[in-house]
Amino acid sequence: ERDWGIIMAGTIMVVIPTLIVFLLAQKFFVKGIATQGIKE
């Protein structure tokens, strides 16, 4: 017996923070690349 509610909740708890971190990191990387391109 698998409690899919708990499995889904656990998956969501892991995936959502990961997505948020990824999206924030992506914004910072894009800004960093843009500023480096301008400086050189």
PDB file of N, CA and C in Angstrom:
ATOM      1  N   GLU A   1       0.839  -1.201   0.000  1.00  0.00           N
ATOM      2  CA  GLU A   1       0.000   0.000   0.000  1.00  0.00           C
ATOM      3  C   GLU A   1       0.874   1.251   0.000  1.00  0.00           C
ATOM      4  N   ARG A   2       0.595   2.099  -0.950  1.00  0.00           N
ATOM      5  CA  ARG A   2       1.329   3.369  -1.011  1.00  0.00           C
ATOM      6  C   ARG A   2       0.354   4.512  -0.757  1.00  0.00           C
ATOM      7  N   ASP A   3       0.734   5.400   0.117  1.00  0.00           N
ATOM      8  CA  ASP A   3      -0.096   6.573   0.390  1.00  0.00           C
ATOM      9  C   ASP A   3       0.329   7.670  -0.587  1.00  0.00           C
ATOM     10  N   TRP A   4      -0.372   7.724  -1.719  1.00  0.00           N
ATOM     11  CA  TRP A   4       0.022   8.654  -2.789  1.00  0.00           C
ATOM     12  C   TRP A   4      -0.068  10.110  -2.348  1.00  0.00           C
ATOM     13  N   GLY A   5      -0.988  10.415  -1.418  1.00  0.00           N
ATOM     14  CA  GLY A   5      -1.088  11.783  -0.905  1.00  0.00           C
ATOM     15  C   GLY A   5       0.217  12.223  -0.261  1.00  0.00           C
ATOM     16  N   ILE A   6       0.795  11.359   0.579  1.00  0.00           N
ATOM     17  CA  ILE A   6       2.059  11.683   1.250  1.00  0.00           C
ATOM     18  C   ILE A   6       3.193  11.744   0.227  1.00  0.00           C
ATOM     19  N   ILE A   7       3.198  10.810  -0.723  1.00  0.00           N
ATOM     20  CA  ILE A   7       4.248  10.798  -1.755  1.00  0.00           C
ATOM     21  C   ILE A   7       4.189  12.087  -2.578  1.00  0.00           C
ATOM     22  N   MET A   8       2.973  12.471  -3.000  1.00  0.00           N
ATOM     23  CA  MET A   8       2.811  13.694  -3.797  1.00  0.00           C
ATOM     24  C   MET A   8       3.209  14.927  -2.987  1.00  0.00           C
ATOM     25  N   ALA A   9       2.775  14.977  -1.717  1.00  0.00           N
ATOM     26  CA  ALA A   9       3.116  16.109  -0.854  1.00  0.00           C
ATOM     27  C   ALA A   9       4.631  16.221  -0.705  1.00  0.00           C
ATOM     28  N   GLY A  10       5.287  15.089  -0.474  1.00  0.00           N
ATOM     29  CA  GLY A  10       6.745  15.083  -0.339  1.00  0.00           C
ATOM     30  C   GLY A  10       7.427  15.539  -1.612  1.00  0.00           C
ATOM     31  N   THR A  11       6.924  15.060  -2.745  1.00  0.00           N
ATOM     32  CA  THR A  11       7.501  15.448  -4.037  1.00  0.00           C
ATOM     33  C   THR A  11       7.357  16.950  -4.255  1.00  0.00           C
ATOM     34  N   ILE A  12       6.158  17.477  -3.975  1.00  0.00           N
ATOM     35  CA  ILE A  12       5.902  18.912  -4.157  1.00  0.00           C
ATOM     36  C   ILE A  12       6.798  19.736  -3.231  1.00  0.00           C
ATOM     37  N   MET A  13       6.942  19.286  -1.981  1.00  0.00           N
ATOM     38  CA  MET A  13       7.782  19.994  -1.010  1.00  0.00           C
ATOM     39  C   MET A  13       9.225  20.094  -1.496  1.00  0.00           C
ATOM     40  N   VAL A  14       9.687  19.102  -2.253  1.00  0.00           N
ATOM     41  CA  VAL A  14      11.056  19.100  -2.770  1.00  0.00           C
ATOM     42  C   VAL A  14      11.142  19.897  -4.071  1.00  0.00           C
ATOM     43  N   VAL A  15      10.165  19.719  -4.955  1.00  0.00           N
ATOM     44  CA  VAL A  15      10.239  20.296  -6.301  1.00  0.00           C
ATOM     45  C   VAL A  15      10.055  21.811  -6.282  1.00  0.00           C
ATOM     46  N   ILE A  16       9.090  22.317  -5.514  1.00  0.00           N
ATOM     47  CA  ILE A  16       8.785  23.753  -5.542  1.00  0.00           C
ATOM     48  C   ILE A  16       9.980  24.600  -5.082  1.00  0.00           C
ATOM     49  N   PRO A  17      10.607  24.313  -3.928  1.00  0.00           N
ATOM     50  CA  PRO A  17      11.793  25.097  -3.544  1.00  0.00           C
ATOM     51  C   PRO A  17      12.913  25.011  -4.577  1.00  0.00           C
ATOM     52  N   THR A  18      13.079  23.827  -5.178  1.00  0.00           N
ATOM     53  CA  THR A  18      14.108  23.651  -6.206  1.00  0.00           C
ATOM     54  C   THR A  18      13.820  24.546  -7.402  1.00  0.00           C
ATOM     55  N   LEU A  19      12.567  24.599  -7.824  1.00  0.00           N
ATOM     56  CA  LEU A  19      12.178  25.451  -8.951  1.00  0.00           C
ATOM     57  C   LEU A  19      12.423  26.917  -8.621  1.00  0.00           C
ATOM     58  N   ILE A  20      12.057  27.341  -7.410  1.00  0.00           N
ATOM     59  CA  ILE A  20      12.242  28.740  -7.006  1.00  0.00           C
ATOM     60  C   ILE A  20      13.728  29.095  -7.040  1.00  0.00           C
ATOM     61  N   VAL A  21      14.559  28.243  -6.469  1.00  0.00           N
ATOM     62  CA  VAL A  21      16.012  28.478  -6.459  1.00  0.00           C
ATOM     63  C   VAL A  21      16.541  28.539  -7.886  1.00  0.00           C
ATOM     64  N   PHE A  22      16.081  27.613  -8.736  1.00  0.00           N
ATOM     65  CA  PHE A  22      16.534  27.568 -10.129  1.00  0.00           C
ATOM     66  C   PHE A  22      16.166  28.854 -10.862  1.00  0.00           C
ATOM     67  N   LEU A  23      14.924  29.323 -10.688  1.00  0.00           N
ATOM     68  CA  LEU A  23      14.470  30.534 -11.371  1.00  0.00           C
ATOM     69  C   LEU A  23      15.256  31.756 -10.881  1.00  0.00           C
ATOM     70  N   LEU A  24      15.477  31.860  -9.566  1.00  0.00           N
ATOM     71  CA  LEU A  24      16.259  32.972  -9.024  1.00  0.00           C
ATOM     72  C   LEU A  24      17.692  32.917  -9.542  1.00  0.00           C
ATOM     73  N   ALA A  25      18.294  31.736  -9.528  1.00  0.00           N
ATOM     74  CA  ALA A  25      19.663  31.568 -10.013  1.00  0.00           C
ATOM     75  C   ALA A  25      19.747  31.958 -11.482  1.00  0.00           C
ATOM     76  N   GLN A  26      18.743  31.574 -12.270  1.00  0.00           N
ATOM     77  CA  GLN A  26      18.733  31.884 -13.695  1.00  0.00           C
ATOM     78  C   GLN A  26      18.756  33.400 -13.906  1.00  0.00           C
ATOM     79  N   LYS A  27      17.953  34.144 -13.129  1.00  0.00           N
ATOM     80  CA  LYS A  27      17.931  35.606 -13.240  1.00  0.00           C
ATOM     81  C   LYS A  27      19.309  36.184 -12.924  1.00  0.00           C
ATOM     82  N   PHE A  28      19.932  35.697 -11.838  1.00  0.00           N
ATOM     83  CA  PHE A  28      21.246  36.204 -11.447  1.00  0.00           C
ATOM     84  C   PHE A  28      22.298  35.872 -12.501  1.00  0.00           C
ATOM     85  N   PHE A  29      22.252  34.647 -13.057  1.00  0.00           N
ATOM     86  CA  PHE A  29      23.218  34.254 -14.085  1.00  0.00           C
ATOM     87  C   PHE A  29      23.064  35.123 -15.326  1.00  0.00           C
ATOM     88  N   VAL A  30      21.826  35.395 -15.731  1.00  0.00           N
ATOM     89  CA  VAL A  30      21.580  36.228 -16.916  1.00  0.00           C
ATOM     90  C   VAL A  30      22.131  37.635 -16.675  1.00  0.00           C
ATOM     91  N   LYS A  31      21.875  38.200 -15.488  1.00  0.00           N
ATOM     92  CA  LYS A  31      22.402  39.530 -15.154  1.00  0.00           C
ATOM     93  C   LYS A  31      23.925  39.507 -15.150  1.00  0.00           C
ATOM     94  N   GLY A  32      24.517  38.479 -14.540  1.00  0.00           N
ATOM     95  CA  GLY A  32      25.976  38.362 -14.467  1.00  0.00           C
ATOM     96  C   GLY A  32      26.596  38.279 -15.846  1.00  0.00           C
ATOM     97  N   ILE A  33      26.013  37.478 -16.721  1.00  0.00           N
ATOM     98  CA  ILE A  33      26.529  37.329 -18.085  1.00  0.00           C
ATOM     99  C   ILE A  33      26.388  38.659 -18.834  1.00  0.00           C
ATOM    100  N   ALA A  34      25.250  39.340 -18.654  1.00  0.00           N
ATOM    101  CA  ALA A  34      25.003  40.608 -19.346  1.00  0.00           C
ATOM    102  C   ALA A  34      26.024  41.660 -18.906  1.00  0.00           C
ATOM    103  N   THR A  35      26.278  41.768 -17.590  1.00  0.00           N
ATOM    104  CA  THR A  35      27.218  42.776 -17.094  1.00  0.00           C
ATOM    105  C   THR A  35      28.648  42.431 -17.509  1.00  0.00           C
ATOM    106  N   GLN A  36      29.003  41.145 -17.501  1.00  0.00           N
ATOM    107  CA  GLN A  36      30.343  40.735 -17.934  1.00  0.00           C
ATOM    108  C   GLN A  36      30.538  41.073 -19.408  1.00  0.00           C
ATOM    109  N   GLY A  37      29.494  40.859 -20.214  1.00  0.00           N
ATOM    110  CA  GLY A  37      29.577  41.151 -21.642  1.00  0.00           C
ATOM    111  C   GLY A  37      29.801  42.630 -21.883  1.00  0.00           C
ATOM    112  N   ILE A  38      29.165  43.486 -21.064  1.00  0.00           N
ATOM    113  CA  ILE A  38      29.301  44.936 -21.226  1.00  0.00           C
ATOM    114  C   ILE A  38      30.702  45.390 -20.807  1.00  0.00           C
ATOM    115  N   LYS A  39      31.219  44.834 -19.703  1.00  0.00           N
ATOM    116  CA  LYS A  39      32.522  45.258 -19.179  1.00  0.00           C
ATOM    117  C   LYS A  39      33.649  44.963 -20.166  1.00  0.00           C
ATOM    118  N   GLU A  40      33.606  43.808 -20.813  1.00  0.00           N
ATOM    119  CA  GLU A  40      34.706  43.406 -21.687  1.00  0.00           C
ATOM    120  C   GLU A  40      34.691  44.166 -23.004  1.00  0.00           C
TER     121      GLU A  40
END
